[in-house]
Protein backbone atom coordinates (compact mmCIF):
# COMPACT_ATOMS: atom_id res chain seq x y z
CA MET A 1 -26.99 2.54 -15.94
CA GLN A 2 -27.69 1.52 -12.37
CA ARG A 3 -27.58 -2.18 -11.65
CA ARG A 4 -29.58 -3.76 -8.88
CA CYS A 5 -27.72 -5.91 -6.44
CA ASN A 6 -29.35 -9.32 -6.08
CA ARG A 7 -28.95 -11.65 -3.10
CA ALA A 8 -25.73 -13.23 -4.50
CA CYS A 9 -24.24 -9.77 -5.08
CA ARG A 10 -25.05 -8.67 -1.51
CA SER A 11 -23.60 -11.93 -0.19
CA ASN A 12 -20.35 -11.38 -2.15
CA ARG A 13 -20.07 -7.79 -0.91
CA ALA A 14 -20.64 -8.91 2.68
CA ALA A 15 -18.00 -11.64 2.35
CA ALA A 16 -15.54 -9.12 0.89
CA ALA A 17 -16.23 -6.68 3.74
CA ARG A 18 -15.68 -9.44 6.33
CA HIS A 19 -12.40 -10.40 4.62
CA VAL A 20 -11.10 -6.80 4.72
CA ALA A 21 -12.16 -6.42 8.37
CA ASP A 22 -10.42 -9.70 9.32
CA LEU A 23 -7.25 -8.62 7.51
CA ALA A 24 -7.30 -5.16 9.09
CA ARG A 25 -7.73 -6.59 12.62
CA ARG A 26 -4.38 -8.34 12.32
CA PHE A 27 -2.60 -4.98 12.04
CA VAL A 28 -4.47 -2.90 14.65
CA GLY A 29 -1.90 -1.09 16.79
CA GLY A 30 0.85 -1.76 14.26
CA THR A 31 3.11 0.59 12.34
CA VAL A 32 2.47 2.20 8.94
CA TYR A 33 5.24 3.49 6.69
CA GLN A 34 3.88 5.64 3.85
CA ALA A 35 5.88 7.22 1.04
CA PHE A 36 5.33 9.16 -2.15
CA LEU A 37 6.50 7.94 -5.56
CA SER A 38 7.07 11.04 -7.70
CA ALA A 39 5.86 11.04 -11.29
CA PHE A 40 9.50 11.64 -12.24
CA PHE A 41 10.88 8.52 -10.56
CA TYR A 42 10.38 4.79 -10.24
CA HIS A 43 6.92 3.12 -10.23
CA ARG A 44 7.61 -0.54 -9.58
CA TRP A 45 6.91 -2.25 -6.27
CA HIS A 46 9.35 -4.53 -4.50
CA ALA A 47 8.93 -7.00 -1.65
CA PRO A 48 9.96 -5.42 1.68
CA VAL A 49 10.60 -8.90 3.15
CA SER A 50 11.22 -12.46 1.97
CA GLY A 51 8.26 -14.77 2.36
CA THR A 52 5.09 -16.12 0.78
CA ILE A 53 2.33 -14.04 -0.80
CA VAL A 54 -0.88 -14.83 1.11
CA LYS A 55 -3.14 -12.16 -0.45
CA ALA A 56 -2.90 -10.15 -3.66
CA TYR A 57 -5.87 -8.24 -5.01
CA LEU A 58 -7.01 -4.99 -6.62
CA VAL A 59 -9.46 -2.57 -5.04
CA ASP A 60 -11.47 -0.27 -7.28
CA GLY A 61 -11.48 3.34 -6.22
CA THR A 62 -11.49 6.98 -7.16
CA TYR A 63 -8.97 9.05 -9.03
CA TYR A 64 -8.24 12.77 -8.77
CA SER A 65 -9.77 12.80 -5.31
CA ASP A 66 -8.26 14.75 -2.43
CA ALA A 67 -9.10 15.43 1.20
CA ASP A 68 -10.72 18.86 1.61
CA ALA A 69 -9.64 18.78 5.26
CA GLU A 70 -6.01 19.09 4.11
CA GLY A 71 -6.75 22.49 2.54
CA TYR A 72 -5.20 23.83 -0.64
CA ASP A 73 -2.33 21.58 -1.76
CA PRO A 74 0.05 23.39 -4.13
CA SER A 75 1.92 20.10 -4.67
CA SER A 76 -1.13 18.45 -6.21
CA LEU A 77 -2.31 15.57 -3.99
CA ASN A 78 0.76 15.08 -1.78
CA ASP A 79 -0.97 16.23 1.42
CA SER A 80 -3.85 13.82 0.77
CA GLN A 81 -1.80 10.61 0.64
CA GLY A 82 -3.31 9.11 3.81
CA TYR A 83 -6.78 9.71 2.44
CA ILE A 84 -5.85 8.45 -1.02
CA THR A 85 -4.72 5.03 0.24
CA ALA A 86 -8.24 4.53 1.61
CA VAL A 87 -10.25 5.64 -1.44
CA ALA A 88 -8.13 5.50 -4.61
CA ALA A 89 -7.69 2.57 -6.97
CA ARG A 90 -5.11 0.39 -5.24
CA ALA A 91 -3.42 -2.97 -4.98
CA VAL A 92 -3.11 -4.88 -1.71
CA ILE A 93 -0.43 -7.54 -1.26
CA VAL A 94 0.13 -9.39 2.03
CA ILE A 95 3.39 -11.27 2.55
CA ASP A 96 3.91 -13.82 5.33
CA CYS A 97 7.54 -13.11 6.20
CA ASP A 98 10.02 -15.99 6.56
CA ASP A 99 10.99 -14.45 9.91
CA PRO A 100 8.13 -15.34 12.33
CA ALA A 101 9.08 -12.37 14.56
CA ILE A 102 7.96 -10.07 11.71
CA GLY A 103 4.94 -12.10 10.59
CA GLU A 104 2.66 -10.71 7.92
CA VAL A 105 3.43 -7.42 6.18
CA ALA A 106 0.65 -5.69 4.23
CA CYS A 107 1.61 -3.58 1.22
CA VAL A 108 -0.93 -1.09 -0.16
CA PHE A 109 -0.06 0.63 -3.44
CA GLY A 110 -2.40 3.55 -4.21
CA GLY A 111 -2.74 5.48 -7.42
CA MET A 112 -2.65 9.27 -7.05
CA ALA A 113 -4.27 11.80 -9.41
CA GLU A 114 -4.96 10.07 -12.74
CA VAL A 115 -3.19 6.83 -11.78
CA SER A 116 -5.51 3.85 -11.48
CA SER A 117 -3.42 1.25 -13.26
CA CYS A 118 -2.19 -1.07 -10.53
CA MET A 119 -0.61 -4.17 -12.07
CA ILE A 120 0.07 -7.10 -9.70
CA ASP A 121 2.74 -9.61 -10.77
CA ALA A 122 3.05 -11.60 -7.50
CA LEU A 123 0.29 -14.12 -6.85
CA PRO A 124 -0.95 -15.86 -3.69
CA GLY A 125 1.19 -18.87 -2.85
CA GLN A 126 4.24 -17.45 -4.64
CA ARG A 127 7.51 -17.19 -2.71
CA VAL A 128 9.31 -13.87 -3.03
CA ARG A 129 12.72 -12.67 -1.95
CA LYS A 130 13.23 -9.28 -0.33
CA GLY A 131 13.65 -6.79 -3.19
CA GLU A 132 11.85 -8.93 -5.78
CA GLU A 133 9.32 -7.10 -7.95
CA LEU A 134 5.67 -7.46 -6.89
CA GLY A 135 4.00 -5.22 -9.49
CA TYR A 136 3.88 -1.66 -10.81
CA PHE A 137 1.90 1.45 -11.68
CA GLN A 138 1.65 2.02 -15.42
CA TYR A 139 1.79 5.80 -15.14
CA GLY A 140 2.23 8.80 -12.88
CA GLY A 141 2.89 9.70 -9.26
CA SER A 142 1.61 7.38 -6.60
CA THR A 143 1.86 6.42 -2.94
CA TYR A 144 2.34 3.24 -0.98
CA CYS A 145 2.06 1.97 2.59
CA LEU A 146 3.84 -0.85 4.33
CA ILE A 147 1.86 -2.02 7.33
CA PHE A 148 3.51 -4.03 10.11
CA ARG A 149 1.96 -5.82 13.08
CA PRO A 150 2.31 -4.31 16.56
CA GLY A 151 5.78 -4.39 18.10
CA VAL A 152 7.65 -5.32 14.91
CA ILE A 153 9.37 -2.02 14.03
CA GLU A 154 12.16 -0.62 16.20
CA SER A 155 12.89 2.54 14.19
CA PHE A 156 12.84 4.09 10.75
CA VAL A 157 15.93 5.28 8.86
CA ARG A 158 14.43 8.72 8.25
CA GLN A 159 13.20 10.56 11.31
CA PRO A 160 11.16 13.76 11.77
CA PRO A 161 11.37 16.55 10.98
CA PHE A 162 11.13 15.43 7.36
CA ASP A 163 12.75 17.46 4.59
CA ASP A 164 10.86 17.68 1.29
CA LYS A 165 14.18 18.52 -0.39
CA ALA A 166 15.92 15.32 0.81
CA PRO A 167 16.99 12.94 -1.97
CA PRO A 168 14.63 10.02 -2.63
CA ILE A 169 15.29 6.75 -0.86
CA GLN A 170 16.81 4.40 -3.41
CA VAL A 171 15.10 1.17 -4.50
CA ASN A 172 15.79 -1.67 -2.04
CA ALA A 173 17.55 0.67 0.42
CA PRO A 174 16.88 0.09 4.16
CA LEU A 175 13.69 1.76 5.47
CA CYS A 176 13.51 0.54 9.04
CA THR A 177 14.91 -1.78 11.67
CA ALA A 178 12.83 -4.62 13.10
CA ARG A 179 12.99 -5.47 16.82
C-alpha cells in the first residue's frame, strides 16, 4: 500500500535531511576507519572514546544490496562495504569525546546481507567510557565506520597493503593514534 505524504510528513523528512546534512558537514575532510565484522565473530559495538552520547538513532535501509560497480564478489558483500554503510539498515551514534582535541566521533554500524537488526543501548546524554558497549547486531556479518573530524588521526595501527588472512583486531585493541 502506498501512503501519501502530507505536509507534516514532508516537513519531518525535510528536517531529518537538514539534520543529517548538518551532522555530515562537521566531518567533511575528516578520516574514516571502516572494518568488517565476520559472521563468525563478535557483533557488539564499543565506544572508541570516552565522552557523552550526543546523537543515537536508527536509519532504515536495504538488505542484501550490493554495489554492481564492485563486480562479482565471491566473498558475499565484502567489497560493497562502503556502499552498504550508505544504504543498509544502520545505527548512527555520535560521541562528544572528553578530549576536546578529538571532538565528536561518529560511529555508523551497518547491517550486511540479511542483517538489519541494529540495537542501540547508549542514549543521548549518557556518558560512556572508552570500550563500553554501545549496542549490537542481533545476527550475521556486518560493517562499521568510525568517522573523525579533520586533523584528528595521526596514523592507523594496520597499514596498507592489507592482508585478508591477518587475524582479526581484538575487541578494545588500539586502532589508531590521535595527533
